Amino acid sequence: MTTQKRILVAGDVMLDRYWFGEVNRISPEAPVPIVRVERREERLGGAANVARNAVALGVETSLLGVIGEDEAGQSVEALLSEVGIHSYLNHDPSISTIIKLRVIGRQQQLIRIDFEEKPTAQILQDKLSRFNSLIADHDVIVLSDYAKGSLVNVATMIAHAKQLGKYILVDPKGSDYSIYRGASLLTPNKSELRQIIGEWRDEADLTLKAQSLRKELDIAALLLTRSEEGMTLFTDEEILHVPAMAREVFDVSGAGDTVIATVAAMLAEEKSLHDAVLIANQAGGIVVGKLGTATVTREELFQNK
């Protein structure tokens, strides 16, 4: 089933590169393994991975972000075209496209190398103008913040989307959540929320602090992703705790992207937030059983339904 509703994802767009190889000896130059690279893979990362997850669930999706005028940027555009994501990327000739390079030996990540530069002010202004022109044609807005510089105008973006009555989901970063004021849903993980509200003694203390933050920022819902502890949704109406899916965890990279994309896709299909969170929890449980930034299909998600 494909819905007629549309999702707009805006944020930090990246290219995830994977080099897979054999590890049979230690380097004579330093106490590190030597990886003989046998296979290379490229996947969409960051906000682009959120868009990829939404499209995998059959929802028409657009992506807004910044890439460089370089070979990695061309790869991103090609991958977006391949999976059918509508690309509205700004090209900034003064920066390189963000790349996360992971070297994998014997199915274990040995090292990650990041290449990143922040976009220029003019490109970010152009991106904001494009965002304002796109939001009317989309039903659900996802802001994927990886603190790489593409969402410096996030407060303005939320304000404009809210004026048009859009549902706004934010995957937040950093120590100042006031920039996300007025969003419909925030999806921090435990360490991200701890940065904002500090430690909590128990569930009652967590609930008190999370609800206080939510009300202070005029946010309708807060979804705390808690790894092996599952997820907790805080709203005015309910506190919903969903235990983690019981399955082997292979790789958690990109799991947060899958969760927010699944919630967005289910909301676009006019499911309740309660049901969307339950389905997103299933999706998160499936995707951590896959290597690297991966997606979940409708068939995997609803095979037993």
C-alpha atoms as a PDB file:
ATOM      1  CA  MET A   1       0.000   0.000   0.000  1.00  0.00           C
ATOM      2  CA  THR A   2       1.282   3.465  -0.906  1.00  0.00           C
ATOM      3  CA  THR A   3      -0.150   6.468   0.827  1.00  0.00           C
ATOM      4  CA  GLN A   4      -0.932   9.720  -0.988  1.00  0.00           C
ATOM      5  CA  LYS A   5       0.442  11.723   1.930  1.00  0.00           C
ATOM      6  CA  ARG A   6       3.944  13.160   1.645  1.00  0.00           C
ATOM      7  CA  ILE A   7       6.860  13.482   4.067  1.00  0.00           C
ATOM      8  CA  LEU A   8       9.523  16.181   3.877  1.00  0.00           C
ATOM      9  CA  VAL A   9      12.829  15.332   5.572  1.00  0.00           C
ATOM     10  CA  ALA A  10      15.275  18.193   6.164  1.00  0.00           C
ATOM     11  CA  GLY A  11      18.643  18.018   7.895  1.00  0.00           C
ATOM     12  CA  ASP A  12      22.235  16.860   7.710  1.00  0.00           C
ATOM     13  CA  VAL A  13      22.712  14.735   4.599  1.00  0.00           C
ATOM     14  CA  MET A  14      25.617  12.265   4.591  1.00  0.00           C
ATOM     15  CA  LEU A  15      27.135   9.486   2.563  1.00  0.00           C
ATOM     16  CA  ASP A  16      27.923   6.326   4.524  1.00  0.00           C
ATOM     17  CA  ARG A  17      30.820   4.356   3.063  1.00  0.00           C
ATOM     18  CA  TYR A  18      31.659   0.820   4.126  1.00  0.00           C
ATOM     19  CA  TRP A  19      34.925  -0.950   3.348  1.00  0.00           C
ATOM     20  CA  PHE A  20      34.741  -4.661   4.091  1.00  0.00           C
ATOM     21  CA  GLY A  21      37.803  -6.869   4.282  1.00  0.00           C
ATOM     22  CA  GLU A  22      39.740  -9.704   5.829  1.00  0.00           C
ATOM     23  CA  VAL A  23      41.844  -9.280   8.967  1.00  0.00           C
ATOM     24  CA  ASN A  24      44.627 -11.847   9.225  1.00  0.00           C
ATOM     25  CA  ARG A  25      47.534 -10.026  10.840  1.00  0.00           C
ATOM     26  CA  ILE A  26      48.675  -7.086  12.931  1.00  0.00           C
ATOM     27  CA  SER A  27      50.613  -4.233  11.367  1.00  0.00           C
ATOM     28  CA  PRO A  28      54.380  -4.215  12.004  1.00  0.00           C
ATOM     29  CA  GLU A  29      54.187  -0.393  12.137  1.00  0.00           C
ATOM     30  CA  ALA A  30      51.707  -0.127  15.052  1.00  0.00           C
ATOM     31  CA  PRO A  31      49.574  -2.483  17.166  1.00  0.00           C
ATOM     32  CA  VAL A  32      46.585  -2.275  14.802  1.00  0.00           C
ATOM     33  CA  PRO A  33      44.942  -4.854  12.527  1.00  0.00           C
ATOM     34  CA  ILE A  34      45.597  -4.796   8.789  1.00  0.00           C
ATOM     35  CA  VAL A  35      42.392  -4.911   6.756  1.00  0.00           C
ATOM     36  CA  ARG A  36      42.686  -6.114   3.173  1.00  0.00           C
ATOM     37  CA  VAL A  37      39.681  -4.411   1.577  1.00  0.00           C
ATOM     38  CA  GLU A  38      37.674  -6.753  -0.634  1.00  0.00           C
ATOM     39  CA  ARG A  39      34.352  -4.966  -1.044  1.00  0.00           C
ATOM     40  CA  ARG A  40      33.038  -1.404  -0.864  1.00  0.00           C
ATOM     41  CA  GLU A  41      29.498  -0.168  -0.326  1.00  0.00           C
ATOM     42  CA  GLU A  42      27.833   3.233  -0.269  1.00  0.00           C
ATOM     43  CA  ARG A  43      24.584   4.015   1.526  1.00  0.00           C
ATOM     44  CA  LEU A  44      22.570   7.137   2.321  1.00  0.00           C
ATOM     45  CA  GLY A  45      23.314   8.468   5.808  1.00  0.00           C
ATOM     46  CA  GLY A  46      21.974  11.034   8.272  1.00  0.00           C
ATOM     47  CA  ALA A  47      18.806  12.784   7.084  1.00  0.00           C
ATOM     48  CA  ALA A  48      19.103  10.897   3.790  1.00  0.00           C
ATOM     49  CA  ASN A  49      18.839   7.610   5.706  1.00  0.00           C
ATOM     50  CA  VAL A  50      15.651   8.875   7.378  1.00  0.00           C
ATOM     51  CA  ALA A  51      14.204   9.600   3.920  1.00  0.00           C
ATOM     52  CA  ARG A  52      15.351   6.178   2.684  1.00  0.00           C
ATOM     53  CA  ASN A  53      13.554   4.502   5.596  1.00  0.00           C
ATOM     54  CA  ALA A  54      10.327   6.399   4.894  1.00  0.00           C
ATOM     55  CA  VAL A  55      10.396   5.478   1.191  1.00  0.00           C
ATOM     56  CA  ALA A  56      11.030   1.818   2.098  1.00  0.00           C
ATOM     57  CA  LEU A  57       7.676   1.933   3.921  1.00  0.00           C
ATOM     58  CA  GLY A  58       5.904   3.137   0.781  1.00  0.00           C
ATOM     59  CA  VAL A  59       5.520   6.839   1.595  1.00  0.00           C
ATOM     60  CA  GLU A  60       6.303   9.541  -0.941  1.00  0.00           C
ATOM     61  CA  THR A  61       9.291  11.400   0.511  1.00  0.00           C
ATOM     62  CA  SER A  62      11.287  14.528  -0.296  1.00  0.00           C
ATOM     63  CA  LEU A  63      14.738  15.397   1.053  1.00  0.00           C
ATOM     64  CA  LEU A  64      16.143  18.853   1.719  1.00  0.00           C
ATOM     65  CA  GLY A  65      19.786  19.324   2.698  1.00  0.00           C
ATOM     66  CA  VAL A  66      23.247  20.424   1.579  1.00  0.00           C
ATOM     67  CA  ILE A  67      25.951  18.519  -0.300  1.00  0.00           C
ATOM     68  CA  GLY A  68      29.209  19.558  -1.932  1.00  0.00           C
ATOM     69  CA  GLU A  69      30.003  19.796  -5.627  1.00  0.00           C
ATOM     70  CA  ASP A  70      32.016  16.602  -5.453  1.00  0.00           C
ATOM     71  CA  GLU A  71      32.074  12.896  -6.259  1.00  0.00           C
ATOM     72  CA  ALA A  72      30.452  11.993  -2.903  1.00  0.00           C
ATOM     73  CA  GLY A  73      27.633  14.446  -3.609  1.00  0.00           C
ATOM     74  CA  GLN A  74      27.058  12.800  -6.998  1.00  0.00           C
ATOM     75  CA  SER A  75      26.868   9.436  -5.221  1.00  0.00           C
ATOM     76  CA  VAL A  76      24.223  10.803  -2.828  1.00  0.00           C
ATOM     77  CA  GLU A  77      22.121  12.123  -5.732  1.00  0.00           C
ATOM     78  CA  ALA A  78      22.426   8.786  -7.577  1.00  0.00           C
ATOM     79  CA  LEU A  79      21.373   6.805  -4.490  1.00  0.00           C
ATOM     80  CA  LEU A  80      18.379   9.117  -3.907  1.00  0.00           C
ATOM     81  CA  SER A  81      17.276   8.648  -7.509  1.00  0.00           C
ATOM     82  CA  GLU A  82      17.715   4.876  -7.222  1.00  0.00           C
ATOM     83  CA  VAL A  83      15.220   4.553  -4.354  1.00  0.00           C
ATOM     84  CA  GLY A  84      12.797   7.219  -5.584  1.00  0.00           C
ATOM     85  CA  ILE A  85      13.384  10.043  -3.077  1.00  0.00           C
ATOM     86  CA  HIS A  86      12.558  13.522  -4.400  1.00  0.00           C
ATOM     87  CA  SER A  87      15.828  15.458  -4.081  1.00  0.00           C
ATOM     88  CA  TYR A  88      15.836  19.145  -3.180  1.00  0.00           C
ATOM     89  CA  LEU A  89      19.491  19.310  -2.183  1.00  0.00           C
ATOM     90  CA  ASN A  90      21.461  22.551  -2.234  1.00  0.00           C
ATOM     91  CA  HIS A  91      24.942  22.243  -3.690  1.00  0.00           C
ATOM     92  CA  ASP A  92      27.640  24.191  -1.832  1.00  0.00           C
ATOM     93  CA  PRO A  93      30.842  24.354  -3.937  1.00  0.00           C
ATOM     94  CA  SER A  94      32.876  25.593  -0.953  1.00  0.00           C
ATOM     95  CA  ILE A  95      32.423  22.430   1.150  1.00  0.00           C
ATOM     96  CA  SER A  96      32.800  18.676   0.803  1.00  0.00           C
ATOM     97  CA  THR A  97      29.831  16.331   1.194  1.00  0.00           C
ATOM     98  CA  ILE A  98      29.764  14.787   4.686  1.00  0.00           C
ATOM     99  CA  ILE A  99      31.174  11.250   4.603  1.00  0.00           C
ATOM    100  CA  LYS A 100      31.299   8.627   7.330  1.00  0.00           C
ATOM    101  CA  LEU A 101      33.723   5.904   6.326  1.00  0.00           C
ATOM    102  CA  ARG A 102      33.502   2.667   8.298  1.00  0.00           C
ATOM    103  CA  VAL A 103      36.127  -0.062   7.944  1.00  0.00           C
ATOM    104  CA  ILE A 104      34.678  -3.489   8.729  1.00  0.00           C
ATOM    105  CA  GLY A 105      36.781  -6.593   9.385  1.00  0.00           C
ATOM    106  CA  ARG A 106      35.201  -9.946  10.211  1.00  0.00           C
ATOM    107  CA  GLN A 107      31.797  -8.252  10.545  1.00  0.00           C
ATOM    108  CA  GLN A 108      33.157  -5.897  13.244  1.00  0.00           C
ATOM    109  CA  GLN A 109      33.581  -2.151  12.805  1.00  0.00           C
ATOM    110  CA  LEU A 110      37.277  -1.414  13.372  1.00  0.00           C
ATOM    111  CA  ILE A 111      37.317   2.335  12.791  1.00  0.00           C
ATOM    112  CA  ARG A 112      35.100   5.168  11.565  1.00  0.00           C
ATOM    113  CA  ILE A 113      36.591   8.165   9.751  1.00  0.00           C
ATOM    114  CA  ASP A 114      34.450  11.314   9.376  1.00  0.00           C
ATOM    115  CA  PHE A 115      34.855  14.026   6.738  1.00  0.00           C
ATOM    116  CA  GLU A 116      32.688  17.073   7.395  1.00  0.00           C
ATOM    117  CA  GLU A 117      32.462  20.839   6.916  1.00  0.00           C
ATOM    118  CA  LYS A 118      29.656  23.245   7.814  1.00  0.00           C
ATOM    119  CA  PRO A 119      27.648  24.826   4.954  1.00  0.00           C
ATOM    120  CA  THR A 120      28.061  28.535   4.189  1.00  0.00           C
ATOM    121  CA  ALA A 121      25.542  31.146   5.383  1.00  0.00           C
ATOM    122  CA  GLN A 122      24.288  31.918   1.856  1.00  0.00           C
ATOM    123  CA  ILE A 123      23.553  28.255   1.099  1.00  0.00           C
ATOM    124  CA  LEU A 124      21.702  27.910   4.408  1.00  0.00           C
ATOM    125  CA  GLN A 125      19.575  30.960   3.561  1.00  0.00           C
ATOM    126  CA  ASP A 126      18.766  29.431   0.167  1.00  0.00           C
ATOM    127  CA  LYS A 127      17.862  26.167   1.917  1.00  0.00           C
ATOM    128  CA  LEU A 128      15.488  27.984   4.282  1.00  0.00           C
ATOM    129  CA  SER A 129      13.750  29.674   1.335  1.00  0.00           C
ATOM    130  CA  ARG A 130      13.379  26.306  -0.376  1.00  0.00           C
ATOM    131  CA  PHE A 131      12.017  24.752   2.838  1.00  0.00           C
ATOM    132  CA  ASN A 132       9.389  27.480   3.093  1.00  0.00           C
ATOM    133  CA  SER A 133       8.303  26.818  -0.494  1.00  0.00           C
ATOM    134  CA  LEU A 134       8.075  23.033   0.048  1.00  0.00           C
ATOM    135  CA  ILE A 135       6.222  22.679   3.356  1.00  0.00           C
ATOM    136  CA  ALA A 136       2.755  23.473   1.962  1.00  0.00           C
ATOM    137  CA  ASP A 137       2.965  20.419  -0.339  1.00  0.00           C
ATOM    138  CA  HIS A 138       3.940  17.993   2.456  1.00  0.00           C
ATOM    139  CA  ASP A 139       1.904  16.596   5.345  1.00  0.00           C
ATOM    140  CA  VAL A 140       4.565  15.504   7.854  1.00  0.00           C
ATOM    141  CA  ILE A 141       7.881  17.306   8.400  1.00  0.00           C
ATOM    142  CA  VAL A 142      10.932  15.506   9.825  1.00  0.00           C
ATOM    143  CA  LEU A 143      13.936  17.564  10.971  1.00  0.00           C
ATOM    144  CA  SER A 144      16.981  15.321  11.345  1.00  0.00           C
ATOM    145  CA  ASP A 145      19.624  17.199  13.337  1.00  0.00           C
ATOM    146  CA  TYR A 146      23.092  15.663  13.497  1.00  0.00           C
ATOM    147  CA  ALA A 147      24.691  18.969  14.593  1.00  0.00           C
ATOM    148  CA  LYS A 148      26.628  19.246  11.321  1.00  0.00           C
ATOM    149  CA  GLY A 149      25.374  22.748  10.499  1.00  0.00           C
ATOM    150  CA  SER A 150      22.466  22.171   8.106  1.00  0.00           C
ATOM    151  CA  LEU A 151      19.757  23.047  10.639  1.00  0.00           C
ATOM    152  CA  VAL A 152      20.996  26.316  12.123  1.00  0.00           C
ATOM    153  CA  ASN A 153      17.633  27.836  11.103  1.00  0.00           C
ATOM    154  CA  VAL A 154      15.635  25.088  12.817  1.00  0.00           C
ATOM    155  CA  ALA A 155      13.626  27.439  15.077  1.00  0.00           C
ATOM    156  CA  THR A 156      12.429  29.420  12.050  1.00  0.00           C
ATOM    157  CA  MET A 157      11.681  26.203  10.140  1.00  0.00           C
ATOM    158  CA  ILE A 158       9.518  24.883  12.993  1.00  0.00           C
ATOM    159  CA  ALA A 159       7.677  28.199  13.306  1.00  0.00           C
ATOM    160  CA  HIS A 160       6.857  28.278   9.566  1.00  0.00           C
ATOM    161  CA  ALA A 161       5.733  24.631   9.478  1.00  0.00           C
ATOM    162  CA  LYS A 162       3.594  25.144  12.582  1.00  0.00           C
ATOM    163  CA  GLN A 163       1.849  28.138  11.008  1.00  0.00           C
ATOM    164  CA  LEU A 164       0.719  25.811   8.227  1.00  0.00           C
ATOM    165  CA  GLY A 165      -0.521  23.214  10.714  1.00  0.00           C
ATOM    166  CA  LYS A 166       2.043  20.551   9.858  1.00  0.00           C
ATOM    167  CA  TYR A 167       3.064  17.677  12.153  1.00  0.00           C
ATOM    168  CA  ILE A 168       6.756  18.312  12.951  1.00  0.00           C
ATOM    169  CA  LEU A 169       9.037  15.526  14.198  1.00  0.00           C
ATOM    170  CA  VAL A 170      12.555  16.390  15.372  1.00  0.00           C
ATOM    171  CA  ASP A 171      15.530  14.118  16.056  1.00  0.00           C
ATOM    172  CA  PRO A 172      17.421  16.557  18.331  1.00  0.00           C
ATOM    173  CA  LYS A 173      21.087  17.184  19.132  1.00  0.00           C
ATOM    174  CA  GLY A 174      23.081  19.446  21.428  1.00  0.00           C
ATOM    175  CA  SER A 175      22.532  21.013  24.828  1.00  0.00           C
ATOM    176  CA  ASP A 176      19.915  23.632  23.905  1.00  0.00           C
ATOM    177  CA  TYR A 177      16.459  22.271  23.101  1.00  0.00           C
ATOM    178  CA  SER A 178      14.849  25.718  23.148  1.00  0.00           C
ATOM    179  CA  ILE A 179      15.509  25.863  19.378  1.00  0.00           C
ATOM    180  CA  TYR A 180      12.964  23.039  18.958  1.00  0.00           C
ATOM    181  CA  ARG A 181      10.193  24.925  20.782  1.00  0.00           C
ATOM    182  CA  GLY A 182       6.744  24.243  19.347  1.00  0.00           C
ATOM    183  CA  ALA A 183       7.598  20.977  17.562  1.00  0.00           C
ATOM    184  CA  SER A 184       5.025  18.171  17.621  1.00  0.00           C
ATOM    185  CA  LEU A 185       7.415  15.378  18.654  1.00  0.00           C
ATOM    186  CA  LEU A 186      11.023  15.145  19.861  1.00  0.00           C
ATOM    187  CA  THR A 187      12.859  11.775  19.712  1.00  0.00           C
ATOM    188  CA  PRO A 188      16.013  11.987  21.888  1.00  0.00           C
ATOM    189  CA  ASN A 189      17.920   8.920  23.051  1.00  0.00           C
ATOM    190  CA  LYS A 190      18.966   8.456  26.678  1.00  0.00           C
ATOM    191  CA  SER A 191      22.339  10.199  26.462  1.00  0.00           C
ATOM    192  CA  GLU A 192      20.861  13.123  24.498  1.00  0.00           C
ATOM    193  CA  LEU A 193      18.053  13.646  27.025  1.00  0.00           C
ATOM    194  CA  ARG A 194      20.466  13.295  29.954  1.00  0.00           C
ATOM    195  CA  GLN A 195      22.403  16.278  28.542  1.00  0.00           C
ATOM    196  CA  ILE A 196      19.257  18.375  28.929  1.00  0.00           C
ATOM    197  CA  ILE A 197      17.530  17.188  32.110  1.00  0.00           C
ATOM    198  CA  GLY A 198      20.445  15.568  33.971  1.00  0.00           C
ATOM    199  CA  GLU A 199      20.391  12.160  35.630  1.00  0.00           C
ATOM    200  CA  TRP A 200      17.139  10.637  36.889  1.00  0.00           C
ATOM    201  CA  ARG A 201      16.828   8.533  40.037  1.00  0.00           C
ATOM    202  CA  ASP A 202      13.990   6.320  38.861  1.00  0.00           C
ATOM    203  CA  GLU A 203      11.074   6.181  36.434  1.00  0.00           C
ATOM    204  CA  ALA A 204       9.005   8.650  38.469  1.00  0.00           C
ATOM    205  CA  ASP A 205      11.860  11.171  38.426  1.00  0.00           C
ATOM    206  CA  LEU A 206      12.347  10.655  34.672  1.00  0.00           C
ATOM    207  CA  THR A 207       8.632  11.196  34.054  1.00  0.00           C
ATOM    208  CA  LEU A 208       8.611  14.386  36.114  1.00  0.00           C
ATOM    209  CA  LYS A 209      11.645  15.837  34.310  1.00  0.00           C
ATOM    210  CA  ALA A 210      10.589  14.732  30.822  1.00  0.00           C
ATOM    211  CA  GLN A 211       7.064  16.095  31.192  1.00  0.00           C
ATOM    212  CA  SER A 212       8.404  19.336  32.632  1.00  0.00           C
ATOM    213  CA  LEU A 213      10.754  19.781  29.639  1.00  0.00           C
ATOM    214  CA  ARG A 214       7.974  18.956  27.189  1.00  0.00           C
ATOM    215  CA  LYS A 215       5.593  21.528  28.672  1.00  0.00           C
ATOM    216  CA  GLU A 216       8.292  24.174  28.999  1.00  0.00           C
ATOM    217  CA  LEU A 217       9.084  23.847  25.273  1.00  0.00           C
ATOM    218  CA  ASP A 218       5.435  23.595  24.160  1.00  0.00           C
ATOM    219  CA  ILE A 219       6.082  20.187  22.570  1.00  0.00           C
ATOM    220  CA  ALA A 220       3.076  17.883  22.176  1.00  0.00           C
ATOM    221  CA  ALA A 221       5.005  14.637  22.643  1.00  0.00           C
ATOM    222  CA  LEU A 222       8.434  13.381  23.634  1.00  0.00           C
ATOM    223  CA  LEU A 223       9.570   9.890  22.575  1.00  0.00           C
ATOM    224  CA  LEU A 224      12.596   8.673  24.522  1.00  0.00           C
ATOM    225  CA  THR A 225      14.450   5.847  22.771  1.00  0.00           C
ATOM    226  CA  ARG A 226      16.166   3.671  25.375  1.00  0.00           C
ATOM    227  CA  SER A 227      18.093   0.926  23.521  1.00  0.00           C
ATOM    228  CA  GLU A 228      17.602  -2.367  25.373  1.00  0.00           C
ATOM    229  CA  GLU A 229      14.970  -0.708  27.601  1.00  0.00           C
ATOM    230  CA  GLY A 230      12.672   0.026  24.663  1.00  0.00           C
ATOM    231  CA  MET A 231      10.937   3.403  24.329  1.00  0.00           C
ATOM    232  CA  THR A 232       8.812   5.725  26.427  1.00  0.00           C
ATOM    233  CA  LEU A 233       6.296   8.186  24.995  1.00  0.00           C
ATOM    234  CA  PHE A 234       5.353  11.214  27.101  1.00  0.00           C
ATOM    235  CA  THR A 235       2.244  13.246  26.191  1.00  0.00           C
ATOM    236  CA  ASP A 236      -0.548  15.091  28.020  1.00  0.00           C
ATOM    237  CA  GLU A 237      -2.783  12.044  27.562  1.00  0.00           C
ATOM    238  CA  GLU A 238      -0.462   9.183  28.453  1.00  0.00           C
ATOM    239  CA  ILE A 239       2.912   7.789  29.401  1.00  0.00           C
ATOM    240  CA  LEU A 240       3.397   4.769  27.169  1.00  0.00           C
ATOM    241  CA  HIS A 241       6.324   2.449  27.847  1.00  0.00           C
ATOM    242  CA  VAL A 242       7.102  -0.039  25.089  1.00  0.00           C
ATOM    243  CA  PRO A 243       9.629  -2.792  25.905  1.00  0.00           C
ATOM    244  CA  ALA A 244      12.387  -3.509  23.390  1.00  0.00           C
ATOM    245  CA  MET A 245      11.827  -6.266  20.848  1.00  0.00           C
ATOM    246  CA  ALA A 246      13.575  -9.431  22.053  1.00  0.00           C
ATOM    247  CA  ARG A 247      16.136 -10.078  19.326  1.00  0.00           C
ATOM    248  CA  GLU A 248      19.895 -10.085  18.875  1.00  0.00           C
ATOM    249  CA  VAL A 249      21.437  -6.634  18.462  1.00  0.00           C
ATOM    250  CA  PHE A 250      23.935  -6.626  15.611  1.00  0.00           C
ATOM    251  CA  ASP A 251      24.387  -2.917  14.837  1.00  0.00           C
ATOM    252  CA  VAL A 252      22.588   0.106  16.342  1.00  0.00           C
ATOM    253  CA  SER A 253      23.861   2.665  13.792  1.00  0.00           C
ATOM    254  CA  GLY A 254      20.903   4.326  12.077  1.00  0.00           C
ATOM    255  CA  ALA A 255      18.286   2.792  14.405  1.00  0.00           C
ATOM    256  CA  GLY A 256      17.112   6.261  15.487  1.00  0.00           C
ATOM    257  CA  ASP A 257      16.626   7.169  11.808  1.00  0.00           C
ATOM    258  CA  THR A 258      14.417   4.117  11.336  1.00  0.00           C
ATOM    259  CA  VAL A 259      12.325   4.939  14.406  1.00  0.00           C
ATOM    260  CA  ILE A 260      11.577   8.562  13.470  1.00  0.00           C
ATOM    261  CA  ALA A 261      10.969   7.637   9.800  1.00  0.00           C
ATOM    262  CA  THR A 262       8.521   4.898  10.822  1.00  0.00           C
ATOM    263  CA  VAL A 263       6.621   7.213  13.189  1.00  0.00           C
ATOM    264  CA  ALA A 264       6.442   9.806  10.376  1.00  0.00           C
ATOM    265  CA  ALA A 265       5.262   7.216   7.834  1.00  0.00           C
ATOM    266  CA  MET A 266       2.557   5.870  10.145  1.00  0.00           C
ATOM    267  CA  LEU A 267       1.347   9.395  10.998  1.00  0.00           C
ATOM    268  CA  ALA A 268       1.221  10.152   7.259  1.00  0.00           C
ATOM    269  CA  GLU A 269      -1.079   7.133   6.973  1.00  0.00           C
ATOM    270  CA  GLU A 270      -3.242   8.737   9.674  1.00  0.00           C
ATOM    271  CA  LYS A 271      -2.492   6.227  12.400  1.00  0.00           C
ATOM    272  CA  SER A 272      -2.565   7.536  15.979  1.00  0.00           C
ATOM    273  CA  LEU A 273       0.720   8.514  17.630  1.00  0.00           C
ATOM    274  CA  HIS A 274       0.204   5.646  20.102  1.00  0.00           C
ATOM    275  CA  ASP A 275       0.001   3.082  17.273  1.00  0.00           C
ATOM    276  CA  ALA A 276       2.811   4.763  15.308  1.00  0.00           C
ATOM    277  CA  VAL A 277       5.156   4.388  18.292  1.00  0.00           C
ATOM    278  CA  LEU A 278       4.288   0.697  18.723  1.00  0.00           C
ATOM    279  CA  ILE A 279       5.044   0.048  15.044  1.00  0.00           C
ATOM    280  CA  ALA A 280       8.258   2.138  15.182  1.00  0.00           C
ATOM    281  CA  ASN A 281       9.441   0.047  18.119  1.00  0.00           C
ATOM    282  CA  GLN A 282       9.027  -3.062  15.971  1.00  0.00           C
ATOM    283  CA  ALA A 283      10.941  -1.406  13.133  1.00  0.00           C
ATOM    284  CA  GLY A 284      13.792  -0.464  15.490  1.00  0.00           C
ATOM    285  CA  GLY A 285      13.952  -4.036  16.728  1.00  0.00           C
ATOM    286  CA  ILE A 286      14.268  -5.347  13.171  1.00  0.00           C
ATOM    287  CA  VAL A 287      16.854  -2.838  11.936  1.00  0.00           C
ATOM    288  CA  VAL A 288      19.368  -3.409  14.772  1.00  0.00           C
ATOM    289  CA  GLY A 289      19.651  -6.978  13.504  1.00  0.00           C
ATOM    290  CA  LYS A 290      21.164  -5.659  10.245  1.00  0.00           C
ATOM    291  CA  LEU A 291      24.666  -4.330   9.556  1.00  0.00           C
ATOM    292  CA  GLY A 292      25.085  -0.577   9.132  1.00  0.00           C
ATOM    293  CA  THR A 293      22.472   1.987   8.158  1.00  0.00           C
ATOM    294  CA  ALA A 294      19.635  -0.216   6.936  1.00  0.00           C
ATOM    295  CA  THR A 295      15.891  -0.046   6.291  1.00  0.00           C
ATOM    296  CA  VAL A 296      12.791  -2.039   7.195  1.00  0.00           C
ATOM    297  CA  THR A 297      10.215  -2.954   4.549  1.00  0.00           C
ATOM    298  CA  ARG A 298       6.445  -3.063   4.946  1.00  0.00           C
ATOM    299  CA  GLU A 299       6.608  -6.833   4.455  1.00  0.00           C
ATOM    300  CA  GLU A 300       9.016  -7.245   7.390  1.00  0.00           C
ATOM    301  CA  LEU A 301       6.970  -4.940   9.569  1.00  0.00           C
ATOM    302  CA  PHE A 302       3.540  -6.339   8.853  1.00  0.00           C
ATOM    303  CA  GLN A 303       4.315  -9.958   7.916  1.00  0.00           C
ATOM    304  CA  ASN A 304       2.404 -11.306  10.903  1.00  0.00           C
ATOM    305  CA  LYS A 305      -0.464  -8.866  10.626  1.00  0.00           C
END
